[in-house]
Amino acid sequence: MSKAGRSARARRSGKVGLRSEWLAIAWLSLKGYRLLARRFGGKGGEIDLIMKRGRLVIFVEVKRRGMMEEALVSITPKKRRLVAARVRQWLALNPWAMDHDLRFDAVFLAPLRWPSHLAGVFELVL
């Protein structure tokens, strides 16, 4: 769909999402993580960020909500299944990562709050 065909709300939401991802990248970079991929996937779901620190590769969901509690409950079972499928796809393209520790993390953002990085939000079943 062209930019002209998207609603103002959808364009605004996309911009907020991009800013949120860059904030999460900065936050995790301060913790020593290095960005490997951003917005991996496509139709049917995507992984917001894939980052690495030492022998640990993390697949990160970035969620921004009006209140932190809303962000915490936003990773639904359906989202977990979609992410697991994308992780398998990414690993097929990056077999070097199979001998690394793999984890699914989340960075939650809310106005006037520091980002919250939660490690191991759910167990990856590959």
N, C-alpha and C. Protein backbone atom coordinates (compact mmCIF):
# COMPACT_ATOMS: atom_id res chain seq x y z
N MET A 1 0.85 -1.17 0.00
CA MET A 1 0.00 0.00 0.00
C MET A 1 0.90 1.24 0.00
N SER A 2 0.54 2.24 -0.77
CA SER A 2 1.33 3.45 -0.85
C SER A 2 1.17 4.27 0.42
N LYS A 3 2.12 5.20 0.62
CA LYS A 3 2.03 6.08 1.78
C LYS A 3 0.75 6.90 1.75
N ALA A 4 0.33 7.29 0.55
CA ALA A 4 -0.88 8.09 0.42
C ALA A 4 -2.11 7.29 0.85
N GLY A 5 -2.05 5.96 0.68
CA GLY A 5 -3.18 5.11 1.02
C GLY A 5 -3.28 4.77 2.50
N ARG A 6 -2.26 5.05 3.27
CA ARG A 6 -2.28 4.76 4.70
C ARG A 6 -2.91 5.91 5.46
N SER A 7 -3.63 5.58 6.50
CA SER A 7 -4.26 6.61 7.30
C SER A 7 -3.21 7.38 8.10
N ALA A 8 -3.59 8.57 8.54
CA ALA A 8 -2.68 9.37 9.36
C ALA A 8 -2.34 8.62 10.64
N ARG A 9 -3.29 7.90 11.19
CA ARG A 9 -3.05 7.14 12.42
C ARG A 9 -2.03 6.03 12.17
N ALA A 10 -2.14 5.34 11.04
CA ALA A 10 -1.19 4.26 10.71
C ALA A 10 0.21 4.82 10.50
N ARG A 11 0.31 5.98 9.83
CA ARG A 11 1.63 6.60 9.63
C ARG A 11 2.24 7.02 10.95
N ARG A 12 1.42 7.62 11.84
CA ARG A 12 1.89 8.04 13.15
C ARG A 12 2.34 6.83 13.97
N SER A 13 1.56 5.78 13.92
CA SER A 13 1.89 4.55 14.65
C SER A 13 3.21 3.96 14.15
N GLY A 14 3.41 3.98 12.84
CA GLY A 14 4.67 3.49 12.27
C GLY A 14 5.86 4.29 12.72
N LYS A 15 5.71 5.62 12.79
CA LYS A 15 6.80 6.48 13.25
C LYS A 15 7.12 6.23 14.72
N VAL A 16 6.08 6.06 15.53
CA VAL A 16 6.28 5.78 16.96
C VAL A 16 6.99 4.44 17.11
N GLY A 17 6.61 3.45 16.30
CA GLY A 17 7.25 2.14 16.35
C GLY A 17 8.72 2.21 16.00
N LEU A 18 9.06 2.98 14.97
CA LEU A 18 10.47 3.13 14.59
C LEU A 18 11.27 3.80 15.70
N ARG A 19 10.71 4.86 16.28
CA ARG A 19 11.41 5.54 17.38
C ARG A 19 11.58 4.62 18.57
N SER A 20 10.56 3.82 18.85
CA SER A 20 10.63 2.89 19.98
C SER A 20 11.73 1.85 19.75
N GLU A 21 11.82 1.36 18.54
CA GLU A 21 12.87 0.38 18.24
C GLU A 21 14.26 1.00 18.38
N TRP A 22 14.43 2.23 17.90
CA TRP A 22 15.74 2.88 18.04
C TRP A 22 16.08 3.12 19.51
N LEU A 23 15.11 3.47 20.31
CA LEU A 23 15.34 3.65 21.74
C LEU A 23 15.73 2.31 22.38
N ALA A 24 15.07 1.24 21.99
CA ALA A 24 15.41 -0.09 22.51
C ALA A 24 16.82 -0.50 22.09
N ILE A 25 17.19 -0.20 20.85
CA ILE A 25 18.54 -0.51 20.37
C ILE A 25 19.56 0.25 21.22
N ALA A 26 19.31 1.53 21.45
CA ALA A 26 20.24 2.33 22.26
C ALA A 26 20.34 1.77 23.67
N TRP A 27 19.19 1.43 24.27
CA TRP A 27 19.16 0.90 25.64
C TRP A 27 19.96 -0.41 25.74
N LEU A 28 19.72 -1.32 24.79
CA LEU A 28 20.42 -2.59 24.81
C LEU A 28 21.90 -2.43 24.45
N SER A 29 22.22 -1.49 23.59
CA SER A 29 23.63 -1.22 23.25
C SER A 29 24.41 -0.77 24.48
N LEU A 30 23.75 0.03 25.32
CA LEU A 30 24.40 0.45 26.57
C LEU A 30 24.69 -0.73 27.48
N LYS A 31 23.94 -1.81 27.31
CA LYS A 31 24.15 -3.04 28.09
C LYS A 31 25.14 -3.99 27.42
N GLY A 32 25.71 -3.56 26.29
CA GLY A 32 26.73 -4.36 25.62
C GLY A 32 26.26 -5.22 24.48
N TYR A 33 24.99 -5.09 24.07
CA TYR A 33 24.47 -5.86 22.95
C TYR A 33 24.79 -5.16 21.64
N ARG A 34 24.96 -5.98 20.59
CA ARG A 34 25.23 -5.46 19.25
C ARG A 34 24.08 -5.89 18.33
N LEU A 35 23.60 -4.97 17.54
CA LEU A 35 22.48 -5.24 16.64
C LEU A 35 22.92 -6.13 15.48
N LEU A 36 22.16 -7.23 15.28
CA LEU A 36 22.39 -8.12 14.15
C LEU A 36 21.36 -7.90 13.05
N ALA A 37 20.12 -7.70 13.44
CA ALA A 37 19.04 -7.53 12.45
C ALA A 37 17.91 -6.75 13.08
N ARG A 38 17.16 -6.10 12.22
CA ARG A 38 16.03 -5.29 12.66
C ARG A 38 14.84 -5.59 11.75
N ARG A 39 13.69 -5.79 12.37
CA ARG A 39 12.45 -6.08 11.63
C ARG A 39 12.62 -7.28 10.70
N PHE A 40 13.10 -8.38 11.27
CA PHE A 40 13.29 -9.59 10.49
C PHE A 40 11.95 -10.31 10.33
N GLY A 41 11.65 -10.67 9.12
CA GLY A 41 10.40 -11.40 8.85
C GLY A 41 9.60 -10.64 7.83
N GLY A 42 8.32 -10.69 8.01
CA GLY A 42 7.44 -10.02 7.06
C GLY A 42 6.02 -10.41 7.33
N LYS A 43 5.33 -10.74 6.27
CA LYS A 43 3.93 -11.11 6.39
C LYS A 43 3.80 -12.27 7.38
N GLY A 44 2.91 -12.12 8.31
CA GLY A 44 2.72 -13.17 9.30
C GLY A 44 3.54 -12.95 10.55
N GLY A 45 4.19 -11.81 10.67
CA GLY A 45 4.92 -11.51 11.89
C GLY A 45 6.38 -11.21 11.63
N GLU A 46 6.95 -10.52 12.57
CA GLU A 46 8.36 -10.18 12.46
C GLU A 46 8.98 -10.12 13.84
N ILE A 47 10.30 -10.24 13.86
CA ILE A 47 11.07 -10.05 15.07
C ILE A 47 11.58 -8.62 15.01
N ASP A 48 11.29 -7.84 16.04
CA ASP A 48 11.67 -6.43 16.01
C ASP A 48 13.18 -6.26 15.96
N LEU A 49 13.90 -6.93 16.86
CA LEU A 49 15.35 -6.79 16.93
C LEU A 49 15.99 -8.15 17.19
N ILE A 50 17.16 -8.34 16.61
CA ILE A 50 17.99 -9.50 16.94
C ILE A 50 19.34 -8.92 17.32
N MET A 51 19.78 -9.25 18.54
CA MET A 51 21.01 -8.66 19.07
C MET A 51 21.89 -9.74 19.67
N LYS A 52 23.17 -9.42 19.81
CA LYS A 52 24.15 -10.39 20.30
C LYS A 52 25.06 -9.74 21.33
N ARG A 53 25.36 -10.52 22.36
CA ARG A 53 26.38 -10.12 23.35
C ARG A 53 27.11 -11.40 23.73
N GLY A 54 28.38 -11.46 23.39
CA GLY A 54 29.15 -12.68 23.67
C GLY A 54 28.55 -13.86 22.94
N ARG A 55 28.23 -14.91 23.70
CA ARG A 55 27.65 -16.12 23.10
C ARG A 55 26.13 -16.17 23.24
N LEU A 56 25.54 -15.02 23.48
CA LEU A 56 24.10 -14.93 23.65
C LEU A 56 23.48 -14.15 22.49
N VAL A 57 22.49 -14.76 21.85
CA VAL A 57 21.71 -14.08 20.81
C VAL A 57 20.31 -13.91 21.37
N ILE A 58 19.83 -12.67 21.33
CA ILE A 58 18.48 -12.41 21.83
C ILE A 58 17.58 -11.94 20.70
N PHE A 59 16.36 -12.41 20.76
CA PHE A 59 15.31 -12.02 19.82
C PHE A 59 14.38 -11.13 20.64
N VAL A 60 14.22 -9.89 20.22
CA VAL A 60 13.59 -8.89 21.06
C VAL A 60 12.29 -8.37 20.46
N GLU A 61 11.27 -8.38 21.30
CA GLU A 61 9.99 -7.75 20.96
C GLU A 61 9.98 -6.38 21.66
N VAL A 62 9.69 -5.34 20.91
CA VAL A 62 9.62 -3.99 21.47
C VAL A 62 8.15 -3.60 21.54
N LYS A 63 7.71 -3.23 22.72
CA LYS A 63 6.30 -2.85 22.92
C LYS A 63 6.24 -1.49 23.61
N ARG A 64 5.49 -0.59 23.01
CA ARG A 64 5.25 0.73 23.60
C ARG A 64 3.75 0.85 23.83
N ARG A 65 3.40 1.21 25.04
CA ARG A 65 2.00 1.38 25.41
C ARG A 65 1.87 2.61 26.29
N GLY A 66 0.65 3.01 26.51
CA GLY A 66 0.39 4.17 27.36
C GLY A 66 0.81 3.95 28.79
N MET A 67 0.68 2.73 29.27
CA MET A 67 1.11 2.38 30.63
C MET A 67 1.94 1.11 30.55
N MET A 68 2.94 0.99 31.42
CA MET A 68 3.85 -0.15 31.40
C MET A 68 3.08 -1.47 31.54
N GLU A 69 2.05 -1.49 32.36
CA GLU A 69 1.28 -2.72 32.58
C GLU A 69 0.64 -3.22 31.29
N GLU A 70 0.20 -2.29 30.44
CA GLU A 70 -0.38 -2.67 29.15
C GLU A 70 0.67 -3.32 28.25
N ALA A 71 1.89 -2.82 28.31
CA ALA A 71 2.96 -3.40 27.50
C ALA A 71 3.29 -4.81 27.98
N LEU A 72 3.23 -5.03 29.27
CA LEU A 72 3.60 -6.33 29.82
C LEU A 72 2.69 -7.46 29.35
N VAL A 73 1.41 -7.17 29.13
CA VAL A 73 0.47 -8.22 28.75
C VAL A 73 0.24 -8.29 27.23
N SER A 74 1.00 -7.52 26.48
CA SER A 74 0.74 -7.43 25.04
C SER A 74 1.38 -8.55 24.21
N ILE A 75 2.20 -9.39 24.81
CA ILE A 75 2.80 -10.49 24.06
C ILE A 75 1.93 -11.72 24.27
N THR A 76 1.05 -11.91 23.33
CA THR A 76 0.02 -12.95 23.41
C THR A 76 0.58 -14.31 22.97
N PRO A 77 -0.13 -15.39 23.27
CA PRO A 77 0.30 -16.71 22.77
C PRO A 77 0.45 -16.75 21.25
N LYS A 78 -0.44 -16.08 20.54
CA LYS A 78 -0.33 -16.03 19.07
C LYS A 78 0.97 -15.35 18.66
N LYS A 79 1.31 -14.23 19.31
CA LYS A 79 2.56 -13.53 19.01
C LYS A 79 3.76 -14.43 19.29
N ARG A 80 3.70 -15.19 20.36
CA ARG A 80 4.79 -16.11 20.70
C ARG A 80 4.99 -17.16 19.61
N ARG A 81 3.91 -17.71 19.09
CA ARG A 81 4.01 -18.70 18.01
C ARG A 81 4.63 -18.07 16.75
N LEU A 82 4.19 -16.88 16.42
CA LEU A 82 4.72 -16.19 15.24
C LEU A 82 6.21 -15.91 15.39
N VAL A 83 6.60 -15.46 16.58
CA VAL A 83 8.02 -15.16 16.83
C VAL A 83 8.84 -16.44 16.74
N ALA A 84 8.37 -17.52 17.32
CA ALA A 84 9.11 -18.79 17.27
C ALA A 84 9.32 -19.24 15.83
N ALA A 85 8.32 -19.05 14.98
CA ALA A 85 8.45 -19.41 13.56
C ALA A 85 9.51 -18.54 12.89
N ARG A 86 9.52 -17.25 13.21
CA ARG A 86 10.53 -16.36 12.62
C ARG A 86 11.93 -16.67 13.15
N VAL A 87 12.05 -17.07 14.41
CA VAL A 87 13.35 -17.45 14.96
C VAL A 87 13.89 -18.65 14.18
N ARG A 88 13.04 -19.65 13.93
CA ARG A 88 13.48 -20.81 13.16
C ARG A 88 13.94 -20.39 11.76
N GLN A 89 13.21 -19.47 11.15
CA GLN A 89 13.57 -18.98 9.83
C GLN A 89 14.93 -18.28 9.87
N TRP A 90 15.14 -17.42 10.88
CA TRP A 90 16.40 -16.69 11.00
C TRP A 90 17.55 -17.66 11.24
N LEU A 91 17.33 -18.66 12.10
CA LEU A 91 18.39 -19.63 12.38
C LEU A 91 18.75 -20.44 11.13
N ALA A 92 17.78 -20.72 10.29
CA ALA A 92 18.07 -21.44 9.04
C ALA A 92 18.99 -20.62 8.14
N LEU A 93 18.86 -19.30 8.20
CA LEU A 93 19.71 -18.41 7.41
C LEU A 93 21.03 -18.08 8.10
N ASN A 94 21.10 -18.35 9.41
CA ASN A 94 22.29 -18.02 10.21
C ASN A 94 22.68 -19.22 11.08
N PRO A 95 23.10 -20.32 10.45
CA PRO A 95 23.38 -21.54 11.22
C PRO A 95 24.50 -21.38 12.26
N TRP A 96 25.36 -20.39 12.11
CA TRP A 96 26.42 -20.15 13.09
C TRP A 96 25.85 -19.92 14.48
N ALA A 97 24.61 -19.42 14.55
CA ALA A 97 24.01 -19.07 15.84
C ALA A 97 23.50 -20.28 16.61
N MET A 98 23.43 -21.44 15.97
CA MET A 98 22.89 -22.62 16.63
C MET A 98 23.73 -23.07 17.82
N ASP A 99 25.01 -22.74 17.83
CA ASP A 99 25.83 -23.13 18.98
C ASP A 99 25.94 -22.00 20.02
N HIS A 100 25.07 -21.01 19.90
CA HIS A 100 25.01 -19.92 20.87
C HIS A 100 23.80 -20.13 21.79
N ASP A 101 23.80 -19.42 22.89
CA ASP A 101 22.62 -19.41 23.75
C ASP A 101 21.59 -18.50 23.09
N LEU A 102 20.35 -18.94 23.03
CA LEU A 102 19.27 -18.19 22.38
C LEU A 102 18.22 -17.85 23.42
N ARG A 103 17.69 -16.63 23.33
CA ARG A 103 16.71 -16.19 24.32
C ARG A 103 15.74 -15.20 23.67
N PHE A 104 14.50 -15.23 24.16
CA PHE A 104 13.52 -14.25 23.72
C PHE A 104 13.33 -13.22 24.83
N ASP A 105 13.63 -11.97 24.52
CA ASP A 105 13.53 -10.87 25.47
C ASP A 105 12.50 -9.86 24.98
N ALA A 106 12.18 -8.93 25.83
CA ALA A 106 11.29 -7.83 25.44
C ALA A 106 11.80 -6.54 26.05
N VAL A 107 11.58 -5.47 25.33
CA VAL A 107 11.83 -4.13 25.86
C VAL A 107 10.48 -3.43 25.84
N PHE A 108 10.05 -3.03 27.02
CA PHE A 108 8.76 -2.35 27.17
C PHE A 108 9.01 -0.87 27.39
N LEU A 109 8.22 -0.07 26.71
CA LEU A 109 8.35 1.39 26.79
C LEU A 109 7.00 2.00 27.12
N ALA A 110 7.04 3.02 27.96
CA ALA A 110 5.84 3.77 28.30
C ALA A 110 6.28 5.21 28.54
N PRO A 111 5.39 6.17 28.30
CA PRO A 111 5.75 7.57 28.50
C PRO A 111 6.23 7.85 29.93
N LEU A 112 7.25 8.68 30.01
CA LEU A 112 7.81 9.13 31.29
C LEU A 112 8.36 8.00 32.15
N ARG A 113 8.75 6.91 31.53
CA ARG A 113 9.33 5.77 32.23
C ARG A 113 10.61 5.36 31.53
N TRP A 114 11.57 4.84 32.29
CA TRP A 114 12.76 4.27 31.68
C TRP A 114 12.34 2.99 30.95
N PRO A 115 13.04 2.64 29.88
CA PRO A 115 12.73 1.36 29.22
C PRO A 115 12.93 0.21 30.21
N SER A 116 12.17 -0.83 30.03
CA SER A 116 12.27 -2.01 30.88
C SER A 116 12.66 -3.19 30.00
N HIS A 117 13.84 -3.75 30.25
CA HIS A 117 14.33 -4.91 29.48
C HIS A 117 14.08 -6.16 30.31
N LEU A 118 13.20 -7.01 29.82
CA LEU A 118 12.89 -8.27 30.50
C LEU A 118 13.53 -9.41 29.72
N ALA A 119 14.42 -10.13 30.38
CA ALA A 119 15.11 -11.25 29.76
C ALA A 119 14.27 -12.51 29.90
N GLY A 120 14.28 -13.32 28.86
CA GLY A 120 13.60 -14.62 28.91
C GLY A 120 12.12 -14.50 29.14
N VAL A 121 11.45 -13.65 28.37
CA VAL A 121 10.01 -13.42 28.53
C VAL A 121 9.24 -14.73 28.37
N PHE A 122 9.65 -15.55 27.41
CA PHE A 122 9.11 -16.90 27.30
C PHE A 122 10.18 -17.79 26.71
N GLU A 123 10.05 -19.09 26.95
CA GLU A 123 11.02 -20.06 26.47
C GLU A 123 10.80 -20.29 24.98
N LEU A 124 11.90 -20.23 24.24
CA LEU A 124 11.84 -20.50 22.81
C LEU A 124 11.73 -22.00 22.60
N VAL A 125 10.70 -22.42 21.90
CA VAL A 125 10.53 -23.82 21.55
C VAL A 125 10.80 -23.92 20.05
N LEU A 126 11.95 -24.48 19.74
CA LEU A 126 12.35 -24.55 18.33
C LEU A 126 12.20 -25.95 17.88
